Amino acid sequence: SITPAAISAALRVVPIDREHPSKWTAADRTELARELLRVAKPREVVANKCDRALPAQRDRLAEEIHPVPVIATSADQELTLRRAARAGLVRYRPGDPSFTLTDPDRLSPAQRKALDGITETMKRWGSTGVQSALESMIFERLHRIVVYPVEDETHWTDSRGRVLPDAFLLPAGTTARAMAYRVHTDLGESFIRAIDARTHRALAAEHPVEPNSVVRIVARK
């Protein structure tokens, strides 16, 4: 749904008479609708199969649909790399601009050819593009932050001793109490305070949590 905040944000950008909607022209309404979609329903084009394309083709598409961003990707090659990494054939983390062969002698000719093709794609585009597309949408267009809730703020663990067991994607500006509700309704309703595990500083209910915060929620028993 489109929120009142999104409508207000769009109205601040579009130069129209906000006090007299009856005076808006068809062009005014069209411009407002476009801005509202940009604010409330952000988009990006994930142009797959970039291993078969050239940067100039991506640039032409980007020019045609500006201001919607175009991100070149090769999902098939990303999947190949992740499978190769799980098999111990390469060292690779999603989003890396390159990968390293761990044991070239284990590779079959077909595997070698596939990995050589991925190397060429990465040289041309900088990566497979998949991680870039995800991060671009989540962090730049949806304005989400990552927060890590823990039960032990000293060791950054849960009750079972697992280090950083969970990660939550939250809207930027989320308060400590709102984060507690996202973890569990009971924590939100019995919220006392939060503790920033990095600084050991207490956070009040309405204090916004910071990106990449490690946070313990203190609640009534």
N, C-alpha and C. Protein backbone atom coordinates (compact mmCIF):
# COMPACT_ATOMS: atom_id res chain seq x y z
N SER A 1 0.83 -1.19 0.00
CA SER A 1 0.00 0.00 0.00
C SER A 1 0.88 1.25 0.00
N ILE A 2 0.30 2.35 -0.43
CA ILE A 2 1.01 3.63 -0.45
C ILE A 2 0.65 4.41 0.81
N THR A 3 1.64 4.77 1.58
CA THR A 3 1.42 5.40 2.87
C THR A 3 1.26 6.91 2.74
N PRO A 4 0.65 7.55 3.76
CA PRO A 4 0.58 9.02 3.76
C PRO A 4 1.96 9.67 3.69
N ALA A 5 2.96 9.03 4.32
CA ALA A 5 4.32 9.59 4.27
C ALA A 5 4.85 9.61 2.84
N ALA A 6 4.55 8.57 2.07
CA ALA A 6 5.00 8.53 0.67
C ALA A 6 4.30 9.60 -0.15
N ILE A 7 3.02 9.80 0.11
CA ILE A 7 2.28 10.85 -0.60
C ILE A 7 2.86 12.22 -0.29
N SER A 8 3.15 12.47 0.99
CA SER A 8 3.73 13.75 1.38
C SER A 8 5.09 13.96 0.73
N ALA A 9 5.90 12.89 0.67
CA ALA A 9 7.22 12.99 0.05
C ALA A 9 7.10 13.33 -1.43
N ALA A 10 6.15 12.71 -2.12
CA ALA A 10 5.97 12.99 -3.54
C ALA A 10 5.47 14.42 -3.77
N LEU A 11 4.58 14.88 -2.91
CA LEU A 11 4.05 16.24 -3.06
C LEU A 11 5.12 17.30 -2.83
N ARG A 12 6.12 16.97 -2.01
CA ARG A 12 7.20 17.93 -1.77
C ARG A 12 8.10 18.09 -2.99
N VAL A 13 8.14 17.08 -3.82
CA VAL A 13 9.04 17.09 -4.98
C VAL A 13 8.37 17.71 -6.21
N VAL A 14 7.11 17.35 -6.44
CA VAL A 14 6.41 17.79 -7.65
C VAL A 14 5.91 19.23 -7.47
N PRO A 15 6.26 20.14 -8.39
CA PRO A 15 5.86 21.55 -8.25
C PRO A 15 4.41 21.79 -8.66
N ILE A 16 3.48 21.44 -7.78
CA ILE A 16 2.05 21.65 -8.05
C ILE A 16 1.42 22.34 -6.85
N ASP A 17 0.23 22.86 -7.04
CA ASP A 17 -0.50 23.56 -5.99
C ASP A 17 -1.15 22.53 -5.06
N ARG A 18 -0.50 22.29 -3.93
CA ARG A 18 -0.99 21.26 -3.02
C ARG A 18 -2.31 21.63 -2.35
N GLU A 19 -2.60 22.91 -2.28
CA GLU A 19 -3.82 23.36 -1.60
C GLU A 19 -5.05 23.28 -2.49
N HIS A 20 -4.87 23.17 -3.79
CA HIS A 20 -6.01 23.20 -4.71
C HIS A 20 -5.89 22.08 -5.76
N PRO A 21 -6.12 20.83 -5.35
CA PRO A 21 -6.01 19.71 -6.30
C PRO A 21 -6.92 19.85 -7.51
N SER A 22 -8.04 20.56 -7.36
CA SER A 22 -8.96 20.70 -8.49
C SER A 22 -8.34 21.46 -9.65
N LYS A 23 -7.26 22.17 -9.38
CA LYS A 23 -6.59 22.95 -10.43
C LYS A 23 -5.50 22.15 -11.15
N TRP A 24 -5.24 20.93 -10.70
CA TRP A 24 -4.18 20.14 -11.32
C TRP A 24 -4.57 19.76 -12.75
N THR A 25 -3.61 19.87 -13.63
CA THR A 25 -3.80 19.45 -15.01
C THR A 25 -3.52 17.95 -15.14
N ALA A 26 -3.81 17.40 -16.30
CA ALA A 26 -3.50 15.99 -16.55
C ALA A 26 -2.00 15.75 -16.44
N ALA A 27 -1.21 16.71 -16.91
CA ALA A 27 0.25 16.58 -16.81
C ALA A 27 0.70 16.60 -15.36
N ASP A 28 0.06 17.44 -14.53
CA ASP A 28 0.38 17.49 -13.10
C ASP A 28 0.11 16.13 -12.46
N ARG A 29 -1.04 15.57 -12.75
CA ARG A 29 -1.41 14.28 -12.15
C ARG A 29 -0.47 13.17 -12.60
N THR A 30 -0.08 13.22 -13.86
CA THR A 30 0.85 12.20 -14.36
C THR A 30 2.21 12.32 -13.68
N GLU A 31 2.70 13.54 -13.54
CA GLU A 31 4.00 13.73 -12.89
C GLU A 31 3.94 13.31 -11.42
N LEU A 32 2.84 13.63 -10.74
CA LEU A 32 2.69 13.23 -9.35
C LEU A 32 2.63 11.71 -9.23
N ALA A 33 1.91 11.06 -10.13
CA ALA A 33 1.81 9.59 -10.09
C ALA A 33 3.18 8.94 -10.30
N ARG A 34 3.96 9.49 -11.21
CA ARG A 34 5.30 8.93 -11.46
C ARG A 34 6.19 9.09 -10.23
N GLU A 35 6.13 10.27 -9.61
CA GLU A 35 6.96 10.50 -8.43
C GLU A 35 6.49 9.62 -7.27
N LEU A 36 5.19 9.45 -7.15
CA LEU A 36 4.65 8.60 -6.09
C LEU A 36 5.09 7.15 -6.26
N LEU A 37 5.08 6.68 -7.49
CA LEU A 37 5.57 5.32 -7.75
C LEU A 37 7.05 5.20 -7.44
N ARG A 38 7.81 6.24 -7.79
CA ARG A 38 9.25 6.21 -7.52
C ARG A 38 9.52 6.14 -6.02
N VAL A 39 8.76 6.90 -5.24
CA VAL A 39 8.97 6.94 -3.79
C VAL A 39 8.43 5.69 -3.11
N ALA A 40 7.20 5.31 -3.46
CA ALA A 40 6.51 4.23 -2.74
C ALA A 40 6.79 2.84 -3.30
N LYS A 41 7.06 2.75 -4.57
CA LYS A 41 7.27 1.46 -5.22
C LYS A 41 8.57 1.49 -6.03
N PRO A 42 9.71 1.57 -5.36
CA PRO A 42 10.97 1.69 -6.09
C PRO A 42 11.21 0.48 -6.99
N ARG A 43 11.83 0.76 -8.14
CA ARG A 43 12.06 -0.29 -9.12
C ARG A 43 13.51 -0.27 -9.58
N GLU A 44 13.95 -1.42 -10.03
CA GLU A 44 15.20 -1.52 -10.78
C GLU A 44 15.05 -2.67 -11.76
N VAL A 45 15.72 -2.56 -12.87
CA VAL A 45 15.69 -3.62 -13.87
C VAL A 45 16.93 -4.49 -13.68
N VAL A 46 16.70 -5.77 -13.43
CA VAL A 46 17.80 -6.73 -13.31
C VAL A 46 17.94 -7.40 -14.68
N ALA A 47 18.95 -6.96 -15.42
CA ALA A 47 19.15 -7.44 -16.79
C ALA A 47 20.00 -8.70 -16.76
N ASN A 48 19.34 -9.84 -16.81
CA ASN A 48 20.03 -11.12 -16.68
C ASN A 48 20.74 -11.50 -17.99
N LYS A 49 21.57 -12.52 -17.88
CA LYS A 49 22.35 -13.06 -19.00
C LYS A 49 23.36 -12.03 -19.53
N CYS A 50 23.96 -11.29 -18.61
CA CYS A 50 24.93 -10.29 -19.06
C CYS A 50 26.19 -10.93 -19.63
N ASP A 51 26.37 -12.25 -19.40
CA ASP A 51 27.51 -12.93 -20.00
C ASP A 51 27.38 -13.00 -21.52
N ARG A 52 26.17 -12.71 -22.03
CA ARG A 52 25.95 -12.72 -23.49
C ARG A 52 25.77 -11.30 -24.04
N ALA A 53 26.03 -10.31 -23.23
CA ALA A 53 25.78 -8.92 -23.65
C ALA A 53 27.03 -8.07 -23.44
N LEU A 54 26.96 -6.86 -23.96
CA LEU A 54 28.05 -5.89 -23.83
C LEU A 54 27.57 -4.70 -23.01
N PRO A 55 28.48 -4.01 -22.32
CA PRO A 55 28.09 -2.83 -21.55
C PRO A 55 27.32 -1.80 -22.36
N ALA A 56 27.64 -1.67 -23.65
CA ALA A 56 26.94 -0.68 -24.48
C ALA A 56 25.45 -1.01 -24.59
N GLN A 57 25.11 -2.29 -24.59
CA GLN A 57 23.70 -2.68 -24.64
C GLN A 57 22.98 -2.30 -23.35
N ARG A 58 23.65 -2.53 -22.22
CA ARG A 58 23.09 -2.12 -20.94
C ARG A 58 22.89 -0.61 -20.90
N ASP A 59 23.87 0.13 -21.42
CA ASP A 59 23.79 1.59 -21.40
C ASP A 59 22.63 2.10 -22.25
N ARG A 60 22.37 1.46 -23.38
CA ARG A 60 21.24 1.88 -24.22
C ARG A 60 19.91 1.66 -23.50
N LEU A 61 19.80 0.51 -22.84
CA LEU A 61 18.57 0.22 -22.09
C LEU A 61 18.40 1.21 -20.95
N ALA A 62 19.49 1.51 -20.25
CA ALA A 62 19.41 2.46 -19.13
C ALA A 62 18.97 3.83 -19.60
N GLU A 63 19.42 4.22 -20.78
CA GLU A 63 19.03 5.52 -21.33
C GLU A 63 17.54 5.54 -21.68
N GLU A 64 17.04 4.42 -22.19
CA GLU A 64 15.64 4.34 -22.60
C GLU A 64 14.68 4.41 -21.41
N ILE A 65 15.06 3.82 -20.28
CA ILE A 65 14.12 3.74 -19.15
C ILE A 65 14.53 4.62 -17.97
N HIS A 66 15.49 5.51 -18.19
CA HIS A 66 15.90 6.43 -17.14
C HIS A 66 14.67 7.11 -16.53
N PRO A 67 14.60 7.25 -15.18
CA PRO A 67 15.66 7.06 -14.18
C PRO A 67 15.68 5.69 -13.51
N VAL A 68 14.93 4.72 -14.02
CA VAL A 68 14.98 3.38 -13.43
C VAL A 68 16.36 2.78 -13.66
N PRO A 69 17.06 2.37 -12.60
CA PRO A 69 18.41 1.83 -12.79
C PRO A 69 18.39 0.45 -13.43
N VAL A 70 19.44 0.15 -14.17
CA VAL A 70 19.60 -1.16 -14.81
C VAL A 70 20.87 -1.80 -14.26
N ILE A 71 20.73 -3.01 -13.73
CA ILE A 71 21.87 -3.73 -13.17
C ILE A 71 22.06 -5.02 -13.95
N ALA A 72 23.21 -5.15 -14.58
CA ALA A 72 23.51 -6.34 -15.38
C ALA A 72 23.87 -7.50 -14.47
N THR A 73 23.29 -8.66 -14.73
CA THR A 73 23.54 -9.83 -13.90
C THR A 73 23.69 -11.08 -14.75
N SER A 74 24.30 -12.08 -14.14
CA SER A 74 24.32 -13.43 -14.72
C SER A 74 24.00 -14.40 -13.60
N ALA A 75 22.70 -14.68 -13.43
CA ALA A 75 22.26 -15.54 -12.34
C ALA A 75 22.80 -16.96 -12.49
N ASP A 76 22.89 -17.44 -13.71
CA ASP A 76 23.40 -18.79 -13.94
C ASP A 76 24.85 -18.91 -13.50
N GLN A 77 25.65 -17.90 -13.81
CA GLN A 77 27.05 -17.94 -13.40
C GLN A 77 27.20 -17.77 -11.89
N GLU A 78 26.35 -16.96 -11.29
CA GLU A 78 26.38 -16.83 -9.82
C GLU A 78 26.07 -18.17 -9.17
N LEU A 79 25.06 -18.87 -9.68
CA LEU A 79 24.71 -20.18 -9.14
C LEU A 79 25.86 -21.16 -9.32
N THR A 80 26.50 -21.12 -10.48
CA THR A 80 27.65 -22.00 -10.73
C THR A 80 28.76 -21.75 -9.72
N LEU A 81 29.05 -20.48 -9.45
CA LEU A 81 30.11 -20.15 -8.49
C LEU A 81 29.75 -20.61 -7.08
N ARG A 82 28.51 -20.43 -6.69
CA ARG A 82 28.11 -20.85 -5.34
C ARG A 82 28.21 -22.36 -5.18
N ARG A 83 27.81 -23.08 -6.22
CA ARG A 83 27.93 -24.54 -6.16
C ARG A 83 29.39 -24.97 -6.14
N ALA A 84 30.23 -24.29 -6.93
CA ALA A 84 31.65 -24.62 -6.95
C ALA A 84 32.29 -24.32 -5.60
N ALA A 85 31.86 -23.24 -4.95
CA ALA A 85 32.40 -22.89 -3.64
C ALA A 85 31.99 -23.94 -2.61
N ARG A 86 30.73 -24.39 -2.65
CA ARG A 86 30.28 -25.42 -1.72
C ARG A 86 31.03 -26.74 -1.93
N ALA A 87 31.41 -27.00 -3.17
CA ALA A 87 32.15 -28.23 -3.48
C ALA A 87 33.64 -28.10 -3.18
N GLY A 88 34.07 -26.92 -2.76
CA GLY A 88 35.48 -26.72 -2.44
C GLY A 88 36.37 -26.51 -3.65
N LEU A 89 35.76 -26.20 -4.80
CA LEU A 89 36.56 -26.01 -6.01
C LEU A 89 37.09 -24.59 -6.15
N VAL A 90 36.39 -23.63 -5.54
CA VAL A 90 36.81 -22.23 -5.62
C VAL A 90 36.60 -21.56 -4.27
N ARG A 91 37.29 -20.44 -4.08
CA ARG A 91 37.01 -19.55 -2.95
C ARG A 91 36.26 -18.34 -3.52
N TYR A 92 35.04 -18.15 -3.03
CA TYR A 92 34.21 -17.08 -3.58
C TYR A 92 33.14 -16.70 -2.57
N ARG A 93 32.96 -15.40 -2.40
CA ARG A 93 31.85 -14.88 -1.62
C ARG A 93 30.94 -14.08 -2.54
N PRO A 94 29.63 -14.22 -2.41
CA PRO A 94 28.71 -13.47 -3.27
C PRO A 94 29.04 -11.98 -3.28
N GLY A 95 29.17 -11.45 -4.48
CA GLY A 95 29.52 -10.04 -4.64
C GLY A 95 30.98 -9.78 -4.93
N ASP A 96 31.83 -10.79 -4.71
CA ASP A 96 33.25 -10.61 -4.99
C ASP A 96 33.47 -10.34 -6.48
N PRO A 97 34.51 -9.56 -6.81
CA PRO A 97 34.79 -9.26 -8.21
C PRO A 97 35.56 -10.37 -8.92
N SER A 98 35.98 -11.38 -8.17
CA SER A 98 36.73 -12.49 -8.77
C SER A 98 36.64 -13.69 -7.84
N PHE A 99 37.22 -14.79 -8.25
CA PHE A 99 37.27 -16.00 -7.42
C PHE A 99 38.63 -16.65 -7.60
N THR A 100 38.95 -17.57 -6.70
CA THR A 100 40.25 -18.25 -6.74
C THR A 100 40.03 -19.76 -6.82
N LEU A 101 40.74 -20.40 -7.71
CA LEU A 101 40.68 -21.86 -7.80
C LEU A 101 41.44 -22.45 -6.62
N THR A 102 40.84 -23.41 -5.93
CA THR A 102 41.51 -24.03 -4.78
C THR A 102 42.33 -25.24 -5.18
N ASP A 103 41.88 -25.97 -6.20
CA ASP A 103 42.60 -27.17 -6.65
C ASP A 103 42.32 -27.37 -8.14
N PRO A 104 43.05 -26.68 -9.00
CA PRO A 104 42.77 -26.74 -10.45
C PRO A 104 42.78 -28.15 -11.02
N ASP A 105 43.57 -29.05 -10.44
CA ASP A 105 43.67 -30.40 -10.98
C ASP A 105 42.37 -31.19 -10.82
N ARG A 106 41.48 -30.76 -9.93
CA ARG A 106 40.21 -31.46 -9.72
C ARG A 106 39.17 -31.10 -10.78
N LEU A 107 39.43 -30.06 -11.54
CA LEU A 107 38.44 -29.57 -12.49
C LEU A 107 38.40 -30.41 -13.76
N SER A 108 37.20 -30.72 -14.21
CA SER A 108 37.04 -31.37 -15.51
C SER A 108 37.18 -30.31 -16.59
N PRO A 109 37.40 -30.70 -17.84
CA PRO A 109 37.47 -29.71 -18.92
C PRO A 109 36.22 -28.83 -19.00
N ALA A 110 35.04 -29.43 -18.78
CA ALA A 110 33.80 -28.65 -18.84
C ALA A 110 33.74 -27.63 -17.70
N GLN A 111 34.18 -28.05 -16.51
CA GLN A 111 34.19 -27.12 -15.38
C GLN A 111 35.18 -25.99 -15.62
N ARG A 112 36.33 -26.32 -16.14
CA ARG A 112 37.34 -25.30 -16.44
C ARG A 112 36.79 -24.29 -17.45
N LYS A 113 36.12 -24.79 -18.47
CA LYS A 113 35.57 -23.89 -19.49
C LYS A 113 34.51 -22.97 -18.89
N ALA A 114 33.64 -23.53 -18.03
CA ALA A 114 32.59 -22.71 -17.41
C ALA A 114 33.20 -21.63 -16.52
N LEU A 115 34.21 -21.97 -15.75
CA LEU A 115 34.84 -20.99 -14.86
C LEU A 115 35.62 -19.95 -15.65
N ASP A 116 36.22 -20.35 -16.76
CA ASP A 116 36.90 -19.37 -17.62
C ASP A 116 35.89 -18.35 -18.15
N GLY A 117 34.70 -18.84 -18.52
CA GLY A 117 33.66 -17.93 -19.00
C GLY A 117 33.21 -16.95 -17.92
N ILE A 118 33.13 -17.44 -16.68
CA ILE A 118 32.74 -16.56 -15.57
C ILE A 118 33.82 -15.51 -15.33
N THR A 119 35.07 -15.91 -15.46
CA THR A 119 36.16 -14.94 -15.31
C THR A 119 36.03 -13.81 -16.32
N GLU A 120 35.70 -14.15 -17.56
CA GLU A 120 35.53 -13.12 -18.59
C GLU A 120 34.36 -12.20 -18.26
N THR A 121 33.27 -12.77 -17.76
CA THR A 121 32.12 -11.94 -17.36
C THR A 121 32.51 -10.96 -16.26
N MET A 122 33.25 -11.45 -15.28
CA MET A 122 33.65 -10.59 -14.16
C MET A 122 34.59 -9.49 -14.61
N LYS A 123 35.46 -9.80 -15.56
CA LYS A 123 36.35 -8.76 -16.09
C LYS A 123 35.54 -7.68 -16.80
N ARG A 124 34.50 -8.09 -17.50
CA ARG A 124 33.70 -7.15 -18.29
C ARG A 124 32.77 -6.32 -17.42
N TRP A 125 32.18 -6.96 -16.39
CA TRP A 125 31.12 -6.29 -15.63
C TRP A 125 31.49 -5.98 -14.18
N GLY A 126 32.58 -6.55 -13.69
CA GLY A 126 32.99 -6.29 -12.31
C GLY A 126 32.54 -7.35 -11.32
N SER A 127 31.50 -8.11 -11.66
CA SER A 127 31.00 -9.21 -10.83
C SER A 127 29.89 -9.89 -11.62
N THR A 128 29.23 -10.87 -11.00
CA THR A 128 28.07 -11.46 -11.67
C THR A 128 26.85 -10.54 -11.55
N GLY A 129 26.91 -9.56 -10.68
CA GLY A 129 25.84 -8.57 -10.56
C GLY A 129 24.70 -8.95 -9.64
N VAL A 130 24.59 -10.23 -9.27
CA VAL A 130 23.43 -10.66 -8.48
C VAL A 130 23.42 -10.01 -7.10
N GLN A 131 24.55 -10.06 -6.40
CA GLN A 131 24.60 -9.45 -5.07
C GLN A 131 24.41 -7.94 -5.16
N SER A 132 24.96 -7.33 -6.19
CA SER A 132 24.80 -5.88 -6.37
C SER A 132 23.33 -5.52 -6.55
N ALA A 133 22.60 -6.33 -7.32
CA ALA A 133 21.18 -6.07 -7.54
C ALA A 133 20.39 -6.16 -6.25
N LEU A 134 20.69 -7.17 -5.44
CA LEU A 134 19.99 -7.34 -4.17
C LEU A 134 20.29 -6.18 -3.22
N GLU A 135 21.57 -5.86 -3.08
CA GLU A 135 21.95 -4.80 -2.14
C GLU A 135 21.45 -3.44 -2.60
N SER A 136 21.46 -3.21 -3.90
CA SER A 136 20.97 -1.94 -4.43
C SER A 136 19.50 -1.74 -4.08
N MET A 137 18.69 -2.77 -4.30
CA MET A 137 17.26 -2.64 -4.00
C MET A 137 17.02 -2.52 -2.50
N ILE A 138 17.66 -3.36 -1.71
CA ILE A 138 17.37 -3.40 -0.28
C ILE A 138 17.87 -2.14 0.43
N PHE A 139 19.10 -1.75 0.17
CA PHE A 139 19.70 -0.67 0.95
C PHE A 139 19.51 0.71 0.34
N GLU A 140 19.57 0.81 -0.99
CA GLU A 140 19.49 2.12 -1.62
C GLU A 140 18.06 2.54 -1.96
N ARG A 141 17.23 1.58 -2.39
CA ARG A 141 15.88 1.96 -2.82
C ARG A 141 14.81 1.69 -1.76
N LEU A 142 14.95 0.60 -1.03
CA LEU A 142 13.99 0.33 0.04
C LEU A 142 14.44 0.91 1.38
N HIS A 143 15.69 1.38 1.45
CA HIS A 143 16.22 2.04 2.64
C HIS A 143 16.08 1.16 3.89
N ARG A 144 16.56 -0.07 3.75
CA ARG A 144 16.57 -0.98 4.89
C ARG A 144 17.94 -0.99 5.55
N ILE A 145 17.95 -1.35 6.82
CA ILE A 145 19.20 -1.53 7.55
C ILE A 145 19.20 -2.94 8.14
N VAL A 146 20.40 -3.44 8.45
CA VAL A 146 20.54 -4.75 9.08
C VAL A 146 20.84 -4.55 10.56
N VAL A 147 20.10 -5.27 11.40
CA VAL A 147 20.31 -5.22 12.85
C VAL A 147 20.37 -6.65 13.37
N TYR A 148 21.27 -6.89 14.34
CA TYR A 148 21.49 -8.23 14.87
C TYR A 148 21.03 -8.30 16.33
N PRO A 149 19.90 -8.93 16.63
CA PRO A 149 19.47 -9.07 18.02
C PRO A 149 20.21 -10.22 18.71
N VAL A 150 20.63 -9.99 19.95
CA VAL A 150 21.32 -11.03 20.73
C VAL A 150 20.76 -11.03 22.15
N GLU A 151 21.05 -12.08 22.89
CA GLU A 151 20.66 -12.15 24.30
C GLU A 151 21.84 -11.87 25.22
N ASP A 152 23.05 -12.05 24.74
CA ASP A 152 24.26 -11.77 25.51
C ASP A 152 25.04 -10.69 24.77
N GLU A 153 25.01 -9.45 25.32
CA GLU A 153 25.65 -8.34 24.62
C GLU A 153 27.17 -8.35 24.73
N THR A 154 27.72 -9.20 25.61
CA THR A 154 29.17 -9.29 25.75
C THR A 154 29.76 -10.22 24.70
N HIS A 155 29.12 -11.37 24.52
CA HIS A 155 29.64 -12.38 23.59
C HIS A 155 28.87 -12.41 22.27
N TRP A 156 27.83 -11.57 22.16
CA TRP A 156 27.03 -11.47 20.93
C TRP A 156 26.39 -12.80 20.56
N THR A 157 25.80 -13.45 21.54
CA THR A 157 25.22 -14.77 21.32
C THR A 157 23.76 -14.81 21.77
N ASP A 158 23.08 -15.90 21.36
CA ASP A 158 21.73 -16.14 21.87
C ASP A 158 21.84 -17.06 23.08
N SER A 159 20.71 -17.56 23.57
CA SER A 159 20.71 -18.39 24.78
C SER A 159 21.41 -19.73 24.57
N ARG A 160 21.60 -20.12 23.31
CA ARG A 160 22.27 -21.39 23.01
C ARG A 160 23.74 -21.20 22.68
N GLY A 161 24.25 -19.98 22.80
CA GLY A 161 25.66 -19.72 22.56
C GLY A 161 26.03 -19.51 21.11
N ARG A 162 25.03 -19.37 20.24
CA ARG A 162 25.31 -19.13 18.82
C ARG A 162 25.63 -17.66 18.60
N VAL A 163 26.74 -17.40 17.92
CA VAL A 163 27.18 -16.02 17.68
C VAL A 163 26.37 -15.41 16.54
N LEU A 164 25.80 -14.22 16.79
CA LEU A 164 25.00 -13.49 15.80
C LEU A 164 24.06 -14.44 15.06
N PRO A 165 23.12 -15.05 15.78
CA PRO A 165 22.27 -16.07 15.16
C PRO A 165 21.25 -15.54 14.17
N ASP A 166 20.87 -14.27 14.32
CA ASP A 166 19.81 -13.73 13.46
C ASP A 166 20.20 -12.36 12.93
N ALA A 167 19.65 -12.03 11.79
CA ALA A 167 19.80 -10.69 11.21
C ALA A 167 18.43 -10.24 10.73
N PHE A 168 18.05 -9.03 11.10
CA PHE A 168 16.75 -8.49 10.71
C PHE A 168 16.94 -7.32 9.76
N LEU A 169 16.15 -7.32 8.68
CA LEU A 169 16.10 -6.16 7.78
C LEU A 169 14.96 -5.26 8.25
N LEU A 170 15.31 -4.03 8.64
CA LEU A 170 14.33 -3.10 9.18
C LEU A 170 14.37 -1.79 8.41
N PRO A 171 13.25 -1.07 8.35
CA PRO A 171 13.28 0.25 7.72
C PRO A 171 14.23 1.18 8.48
N ALA A 172 14.97 1.99 7.75
CA ALA A 172 15.84 2.97 8.40
C ALA A 172 15.00 3.84 9.32
N GLY A 173 15.53 4.12 10.52
CA GLY A 173 14.80 4.92 11.49
C GLY A 173 13.98 4.10 12.47
N THR A 174 14.00 2.77 12.35
CA THR A 174 13.26 1.91 13.28
C THR A 174 13.74 2.14 14.70
N THR A 175 12.80 2.29 15.64
CA THR A 175 13.16 2.53 17.03
C THR A 175 13.49 1.22 17.73
N ALA A 176 14.10 1.36 18.91
CA ALA A 176 14.47 0.17 19.68
C ALA A 176 13.24 -0.65 20.05
N ARG A 177 12.15 0.02 20.45
CA ARG A 177 10.94 -0.72 20.80
C ARG A 177 10.34 -1.41 19.57
N ALA A 178 10.33 -0.71 18.43
CA ALA A 178 9.79 -1.31 17.21
C ALA A 178 10.62 -2.53 16.81
N MET A 179 11.93 -2.46 17.00
CA MET A 179 12.77 -3.62 16.72
C MET A 179 12.39 -4.77 17.64
N ALA A 180 12.15 -4.47 18.93
CA ALA A 180 11.76 -5.52 19.88
C ALA A 180 10.48 -6.22 19.43
N TYR A 181 9.52 -5.45 18.93
CA TYR A 181 8.28 -6.04 18.42
C TYR A 181 8.55 -6.96 17.23
N ARG A 182 9.51 -6.58 16.39
CA ARG A 182 9.84 -7.42 15.23
C ARG A 182 10.46 -8.74 15.67
N VAL A 183 11.24 -8.71 16.75
CA VAL A 183 11.84 -9.95 17.25
C VAL A 183 10.76 -10.85 17.84
N HIS A 184 9.92 -10.27 18.71
CA HIS A 184 8.81 -11.01 19.31
C HIS A 184 7.85 -10.02 19.95
N THR A 185 6.56 -10.26 19.78
CA THR A 185 5.56 -9.35 20.34
C THR A 185 5.72 -9.18 21.84
N ASP A 186 6.02 -10.27 22.55
CA ASP A 186 6.18 -10.19 24.01
C ASP A 186 7.31 -9.24 24.39
N LEU A 187 8.40 -9.25 23.61
CA LEU A 187 9.52 -8.36 23.90
C LEU A 187 9.11 -6.90 23.72
N GLY A 188 8.32 -6.63 22.70
CA GLY A 188 7.86 -5.27 22.49
C GLY A 188 6.95 -4.79 23.59
N GLU A 189 6.04 -5.66 24.04
CA GLU A 189 5.07 -5.25 25.05
C GLU A 189 5.71 -5.12 26.43
N SER A 190 6.77 -5.88 26.70
CA SER A 190 7.43 -5.81 28.01
C SER A 190 8.76 -5.08 27.95
N PHE A 191 8.96 -4.30 26.89
CA PHE A 191 10.23 -3.59 26.66
C PHE A 191 10.59 -2.66 27.82
N ILE A 192 11.83 -2.73 28.26
CA ILE A 192 12.36 -1.78 29.25
C ILE A 192 13.37 -0.86 28.58
N ARG A 193 14.36 -1.46 27.95
CA ARG A 193 15.38 -0.70 27.22
C ARG A 193 16.11 -1.66 26.30
N ALA A 194 16.93 -1.10 25.43
CA ALA A 194 17.83 -1.90 24.59
C ALA A 194 19.26 -1.54 24.95
N ILE A 195 20.17 -2.42 24.62
CA ILE A 195 21.60 -2.16 24.86
C ILE A 195 22.35 -2.36 23.56
N ASP A 196 23.10 -1.34 23.16
CA ASP A 196 23.97 -1.43 21.99
C ASP A 196 25.20 -2.23 22.41
N ALA A 197 25.36 -3.43 21.84
CA ALA A 197 26.44 -4.31 22.27
C ALA A 197 27.82 -3.80 21.89
N ARG A 198 27.91 -2.92 20.90
CA ARG A 198 29.21 -2.38 20.51
C ARG A 198 29.69 -1.33 21.51
N THR A 199 28.77 -0.47 21.95
CA THR A 199 29.14 0.64 22.82
C THR A 199 28.71 0.42 24.27
N HIS A 200 27.87 -0.60 24.50
CA HIS A 200 27.29 -0.89 25.82
C HIS A 200 26.44 0.27 26.32
N ARG A 201 25.93 1.05 25.39
CA ARG A 201 25.08 2.19 25.74
C ARG A 201 23.62 1.75 25.75
N ALA A 202 22.88 2.24 26.76
CA ALA A 202 21.45 1.95 26.84
C ALA A 202 20.69 2.79 25.83
N LEU A 203 19.69 2.18 25.19
CA LEU A 203 18.87 2.86 24.20
C LEU A 203 17.43 2.93 24.69
N ALA A 204 16.87 4.13 24.69
CA ALA A 204 15.48 4.29 25.10
C ALA A 204 14.55 3.75 24.03
N ALA A 205 13.29 3.64 24.38
CA ALA A 205 12.30 3.01 23.49
C ALA A 205 12.23 3.67 22.13
N GLU A 206 12.29 5.00 22.08
CA GLU A 206 12.13 5.72 20.82
C GLU A 206 13.45 6.05 20.13
N HIS A 207 14.54 5.51 20.64
CA HIS A 207 15.85 5.77 20.02
C HIS A 207 15.99 4.91 18.76
N PRO A 208 16.34 5.51 17.62
CA PRO A 208 16.51 4.71 16.39
C PRO A 208 17.73 3.79 16.51
N VAL A 209 17.59 2.57 16.04
CA VAL A 209 18.74 1.67 16.01
C VAL A 209 19.58 1.99 14.77
N GLU A 210 20.88 1.82 14.90
CA GLU A 210 21.81 2.16 13.83
C GLU A 210 22.02 0.97 12.90
N PRO A 211 22.40 1.23 11.65
CA PRO A 211 22.72 0.13 10.74
C PRO A 211 23.84 -0.74 11.30
N ASN A 212 23.70 -2.04 11.16
CA ASN A 212 24.69 -3.04 11.61
C ASN A 212 24.86 -3.06 13.12
N SER A 213 23.85 -2.58 13.85
CA SER A 213 23.90 -2.64 15.31
C SER A 213 23.73 -4.08 15.80
N VAL A 214 24.41 -4.38 16.89
CA VAL A 214 24.18 -5.62 17.64
C VAL A 214 23.44 -5.18 18.90
N VAL A 215 22.23 -5.67 19.10
CA VAL A 215 21.36 -5.10 20.13
C VAL A 215 20.77 -6.19 21.01
N ARG A 216 20.83 -5.94 22.32
CA ARG A 216 20.13 -6.79 23.28
C ARG A 216 18.89 -6.04 23.77
N ILE A 217 17.76 -6.73 23.80
CA ILE A 217 16.52 -6.17 24.31
C ILE A 217 16.35 -6.59 25.77
N VAL A 218 16.21 -5.62 26.65
CA VAL A 218 15.94 -5.89 28.07
C VAL A 218 14.45 -5.72 28.29
N ALA A 219 13.80 -6.78 28.79
CA ALA A 219 12.35 -6.75 28.96
C ALA A 219 11.96 -7.26 30.34
N ARG A 220 10.75 -6.92 30.75
CA ARG A 220 10.24 -7.41 32.03
C ARG A 220 10.03 -8.91 31.95
N LYS A 221 10.33 -9.58 33.04
CA LYS A 221 10.14 -11.04 33.09
C LYS A 221 8.66 -11.38 33.25
